[in-house]
Every structure is written in C-alpha cells, then in structure tokens.
C-alpha cells in the first residue's frame, strides 16, 4: 500500500490510501518521536477541519532551542 521510504530521524509521513471500499490514513515515521510528531500533525488537520483525502505529507521537524 505504501512504498518503502527512508526518513530522517524524527521525520514522519502522513499518507491516505484506499484498497477497494476501504480508506486508510497512514502515519509512518523513522522513530517513536517522529510517530508522535506525525500523530499531532494529523490531529491538527482534523481539528482544523482539513480534508484527509489525497493526503501525502512528509515532514522533518527541526528542534527548537529553549533559551
């Protein structure tokens, strides 16, 4: 359903997929932190009422320095 992807540390990929009548939203990541980033990115889209159809978003978050 989703091709193999090489993602940087903390990166994630949100992807919509369909197989017959079933529709899926997939979150894949390079590590646990990336999976959390991806989950929150998906939740943000849902909260803002954005469509999840044709979703294909890859992101590598950059760390923010506290100070």
C-alpha atoms as a PDB file:
ATOM      1  CA  UNK A   1       0.000   0.000   0.000  1.00  0.00           C
ATOM      2  CA  UNK A   2       2.748   2.444   0.883  1.00  0.00           C
ATOM      3  CA  UNK A   3       6.200   2.277  -0.701  1.00  0.00           C
ATOM      4  CA  UNK A   4       9.277   1.898   1.445  1.00  0.00           C
ATOM      5  CA  UNK A   5      10.599   5.288   2.452  1.00  0.00           C
ATOM      6  CA  UNK A   6      13.815   6.349   4.076  1.00  0.00           C
ATOM      7  CA  UNK A   7      13.053   9.081   6.572  1.00  0.00           C
ATOM      8  CA  UNK A   8      15.460  11.249   8.547  1.00  0.00           C
ATOM      9  CA  UNK A   9      15.468  10.974  12.347  1.00  0.00           C
ATOM     10  CA  UNK A  10      12.219  12.365  13.817  1.00  0.00           C
ATOM     11  CA  UNK A  11      10.654  12.620  10.340  1.00  0.00           C
ATOM     12  CA  UNK A  12       7.151  11.386   9.554  1.00  0.00           C
ATOM     13  CA  UNK A  13       4.940  10.695   6.570  1.00  0.00           C
ATOM     14  CA  UNK A  14       1.154  11.085   6.518  1.00  0.00           C
ATOM     15  CA  UNK A  15      -0.487   9.252   3.620  1.00  0.00           C
ATOM     16  CA  UNK A  16      -4.047   8.493   2.545  1.00  0.00           C
ATOM     17  CA  UNK A  17      -4.576   5.143   0.871  1.00  0.00           C
ATOM     18  CA  UNK A  18      -7.513   3.125  -0.387  1.00  0.00           C
ATOM     19  CA  UNK A  19      -7.961  -0.528  -1.127  1.00  0.00           C
ATOM     20  CA  UNK A  20     -11.338  -1.270  -2.633  1.00  0.00           C
ATOM     21  CA  UNK A  21     -14.053   0.318  -0.494  1.00  0.00           C
ATOM     22  CA  UNK A  22     -11.708   0.783   2.486  1.00  0.00           C
ATOM     23  CA  UNK A  23      -9.877   4.063   3.084  1.00  0.00           C
ATOM     24  CA  UNK A  24      -6.885   4.401   5.385  1.00  0.00           C
ATOM     25  CA  UNK A  25      -4.809   7.203   6.846  1.00  0.00           C
ATOM     26  CA  UNK A  26      -1.273   6.005   7.478  1.00  0.00           C
ATOM     27  CA  UNK A  27       1.292   7.557   9.808  1.00  0.00           C
ATOM     28  CA  UNK A  28       4.784   6.189   9.415  1.00  0.00           C
ATOM     29  CA  UNK A  29       7.980   7.509  10.950  1.00  0.00           C
ATOM     30  CA  UNK A  30      11.659   6.803  11.421  1.00  0.00           C
ATOM     31  CA  UNK A  31      11.343   6.546  15.219  1.00  0.00           C
ATOM     32  CA  UNK A  32       8.933   6.978  18.145  1.00  0.00           C
ATOM     33  CA  UNK A  33       9.391  10.741  18.283  1.00  0.00           C
ATOM     34  CA  UNK A  34       8.596  11.032  14.583  1.00  0.00           C
ATOM     35  CA  UNK A  35       5.455   8.972  15.124  1.00  0.00           C
ATOM     36  CA  UNK A  36       4.328  11.410  17.826  1.00  0.00           C
ATOM     37  CA  UNK A  37       5.050  14.378  15.551  1.00  0.00           C
ATOM     38  CA  UNK A  38       3.017  12.671  12.818  1.00  0.00           C
ATOM     39  CA  UNK A  39       0.109  11.904  15.142  1.00  0.00           C
ATOM     40  CA  UNK A  40      -0.044  15.520  16.305  1.00  0.00           C
ATOM     41  CA  UNK A  41       0.164  16.768  12.703  1.00  0.00           C
ATOM     42  CA  UNK A  42      -2.800  14.536  11.840  1.00  0.00           C
ATOM     43  CA  UNK A  43      -4.751  15.720  14.893  1.00  0.00           C
ATOM     44  CA  UNK A  44      -4.057  19.339  13.920  1.00  0.00           C
ATOM     45  CA  UNK A  45      -5.504  18.702  10.443  1.00  0.00           C
ATOM     46  CA  UNK A  46      -8.602  17.071  11.940  1.00  0.00           C
ATOM     47  CA  UNK A  47      -9.086  19.930  14.451  1.00  0.00           C
ATOM     48  CA  UNK A  48      -8.829  22.497  11.652  1.00  0.00           C
ATOM     49  CA  UNK A  49     -11.385  20.623   9.550  1.00  0.00           C
ATOM     50  CA  UNK A  50      -8.925  19.929   6.731  1.00  0.00           C
ATOM     51  CA  UNK A  51      -9.582  17.100   4.306  1.00  0.00           C
ATOM     52  CA  UNK A  52      -7.641  13.882   4.795  1.00  0.00           C
ATOM     53  CA  UNK A  53      -8.383  12.715   1.245  1.00  0.00           C
ATOM     54  CA  UNK A  54      -5.319  12.641  -1.013  1.00  0.00           C
ATOM     55  CA  UNK A  55      -3.053  13.247   1.978  1.00  0.00           C
ATOM     56  CA  UNK A  56       0.648  12.835   1.171  1.00  0.00           C
ATOM     57  CA  UNK A  57       2.773  14.902   3.560  1.00  0.00           C
ATOM     58  CA  UNK A  58       6.359  14.266   4.611  1.00  0.00           C
ATOM     59  CA  UNK A  59       7.971  16.446   7.228  1.00  0.00           C
ATOM     60  CA  UNK A  60      11.197  16.546   9.194  1.00  0.00           C
ATOM     61  CA  UNK A  61      10.627  18.741  12.253  1.00  0.00           C
ATOM     62  CA  UNK A  62      13.507  20.940  13.349  1.00  0.00           C
ATOM     63  CA  UNK A  63      14.265  21.080  17.057  1.00  0.00           C
ATOM     64  CA  UNK A  64      13.661  24.372  18.795  1.00  0.00           C
ATOM     65  CA  UNK A  65      16.215  25.626  21.262  1.00  0.00           C
ATOM     66  CA  UNK A  66      14.952  26.708  24.647  1.00  0.00           C
ATOM     67  CA  UNK A  67      16.559  29.768  25.903  1.00  0.00           C
END
